């Protein structure tokens, strides 16, 4: 989302801006909405995984995805008009429609 600079994620410059972004009157992340995003300090393993994500790690189905959620049901084929890119465990992932966010594919 930080690298995308398109669609819902224009002008985000820091990880904090991504985490605390408000869309449609609500925070984008449920943990922020409920106030439990940082109930304990990040351990070394979480910091390492976060750094890998920021630096280089890209894996299906999240490789080009900008949105994800847990529907507690089968994944819908689209979410707010964006096509599904796959599923990992209980979460469904969605990437931008073709030709709407070229920066997602160059990061």
Protein backbone atom coordinates (compact mmCIF):
# COMPACT_ATOMS: atom_id res chain seq x y z
CA UNK A 1 0.00 0.00 0.00
CA UNK A 2 2.84 2.34 0.76
CA UNK A 3 4.47 1.75 -2.63
CA UNK A 4 1.20 1.78 -4.60
CA UNK A 5 0.36 5.52 -4.54
CA UNK A 6 -2.89 4.89 -6.42
CA UNK A 7 -6.60 4.23 -5.96
CA UNK A 8 -7.29 4.19 -2.18
CA UNK A 9 -3.65 4.64 -1.25
CA UNK A 10 -2.56 7.96 -2.77
CA UNK A 11 -0.04 10.14 -0.96
CA UNK A 12 0.81 7.66 1.78
CA UNK A 13 4.49 8.20 2.63
CA UNK A 14 5.08 6.31 5.89
CA UNK A 15 4.14 2.95 7.39
CA UNK A 16 2.30 4.80 10.18
CA UNK A 17 0.14 6.58 7.59
CA UNK A 18 -0.78 3.19 6.10
CA UNK A 19 -1.60 1.66 9.49
CA UNK A 20 -3.73 4.60 10.65
CA UNK A 21 -5.34 5.42 7.29
CA UNK A 22 -9.05 6.26 7.44
CA UNK A 23 -11.31 5.15 4.58
CA UNK A 24 -15.05 5.67 4.53
CA UNK A 25 -14.94 7.14 8.03
CA UNK A 26 -13.21 4.10 9.56
CA UNK A 27 -9.64 3.02 10.10
CA UNK A 28 -8.53 0.58 7.40
CA UNK A 29 -7.33 -2.03 9.90
CA UNK A 30 -9.70 -3.64 12.38
CA UNK A 31 -7.02 -3.79 15.07
CA UNK A 32 -6.71 0.00 14.93
CA UNK A 33 -10.51 0.40 15.03
CA UNK A 34 -10.72 -1.78 18.14
CA UNK A 35 -7.68 -0.24 19.79
CA UNK A 36 -5.68 -3.46 20.10
CA UNK A 37 -3.10 -2.96 17.36
CA UNK A 38 -0.15 -2.72 19.74
CA UNK A 39 -1.14 -4.56 22.89
CA UNK A 40 2.44 -5.80 23.27
CA UNK A 41 5.84 -4.90 21.83
CA UNK A 42 6.84 -6.50 18.54
CA UNK A 43 9.18 -9.45 18.93
CA UNK A 44 12.24 -10.00 16.76
CA UNK A 45 10.40 -12.41 14.48
CA UNK A 46 7.63 -9.88 13.75
CA UNK A 47 10.18 -7.15 13.09
CA UNK A 48 12.09 -9.44 10.71
CA UNK A 49 8.93 -10.37 8.78
CA UNK A 50 7.84 -6.74 8.54
CA UNK A 51 11.28 -5.73 7.23
CA UNK A 52 11.17 -8.54 4.63
CA UNK A 53 7.76 -7.34 3.46
CA UNK A 54 8.94 -3.78 3.10
CA UNK A 55 12.20 -4.69 1.37
CA UNK A 56 11.47 -7.52 -1.01
CA UNK A 57 9.11 -10.34 -0.01
CA UNK A 58 6.30 -10.89 -2.49
CA UNK A 59 4.33 -14.13 -2.55
CA UNK A 60 1.02 -15.28 -4.04
CA UNK A 61 -1.80 -14.44 -3.28
CA UNK A 62 -0.65 -11.16 -1.73
CA UNK A 63 2.02 -10.39 -4.34
CA UNK A 64 0.02 -7.62 -6.05
CA UNK A 65 -2.88 -7.39 -3.59
CA UNK A 66 -3.80 -4.08 -1.99
CA UNK A 67 -6.82 -5.33 -0.03
CA UNK A 68 -7.50 -8.37 2.12
CA UNK A 69 -10.08 -9.43 4.66
CA UNK A 70 -11.54 -12.43 6.45
CA UNK A 71 -15.14 -12.84 5.25
CA UNK A 72 -15.95 -15.78 7.57
CA UNK A 73 -17.41 -17.35 4.40
CA UNK A 74 -16.14 -18.28 0.93
CA UNK A 75 -14.17 -15.52 -0.79
CA UNK A 76 -16.30 -13.39 -3.12
CA UNK A 77 -14.89 -13.12 -6.68
CA UNK A 78 -14.62 -9.33 -6.33
CA UNK A 79 -14.48 -6.87 -3.45
CA UNK A 80 -15.59 -3.31 -4.13
CA UNK A 81 -15.07 -4.04 -7.82
CA UNK A 82 -11.51 -5.36 -7.45
CA UNK A 83 -10.75 -8.95 -8.60
CA UNK A 84 -9.71 -11.71 -6.22
CA UNK A 85 -6.08 -12.77 -6.43
CA UNK A 86 -6.37 -15.73 -4.09
CA UNK A 87 -6.82 -16.93 -0.55
CA UNK A 88 -4.44 -17.71 2.32
CA UNK A 89 -5.98 -19.51 5.25
CA UNK A 90 -9.12 -17.49 6.13
CA UNK A 91 -8.14 -14.30 4.32
CA UNK A 92 -9.16 -13.29 0.80
CA UNK A 93 -6.82 -11.08 -1.24
CA UNK A 94 -7.73 -8.59 -3.97
CA UNK A 95 -5.53 -6.80 -6.48
CA UNK A 96 -6.31 -3.70 -8.55
CA UNK A 97 -8.21 -4.00 -11.80
CA UNK A 98 -5.91 -4.05 -14.85
CA UNK A 99 -4.48 -0.67 -15.90
CA UNK A 100 -5.52 1.10 -12.67
CA UNK A 101 -2.37 0.90 -10.54
CA UNK A 102 0.81 0.20 -12.49
CA UNK A 103 3.03 0.92 -9.47
CA UNK A 104 1.78 -2.25 -7.76
CA UNK A 105 3.52 -4.32 -10.41
CA UNK A 106 6.81 -2.43 -10.34
CA UNK A 107 7.55 -2.48 -6.61
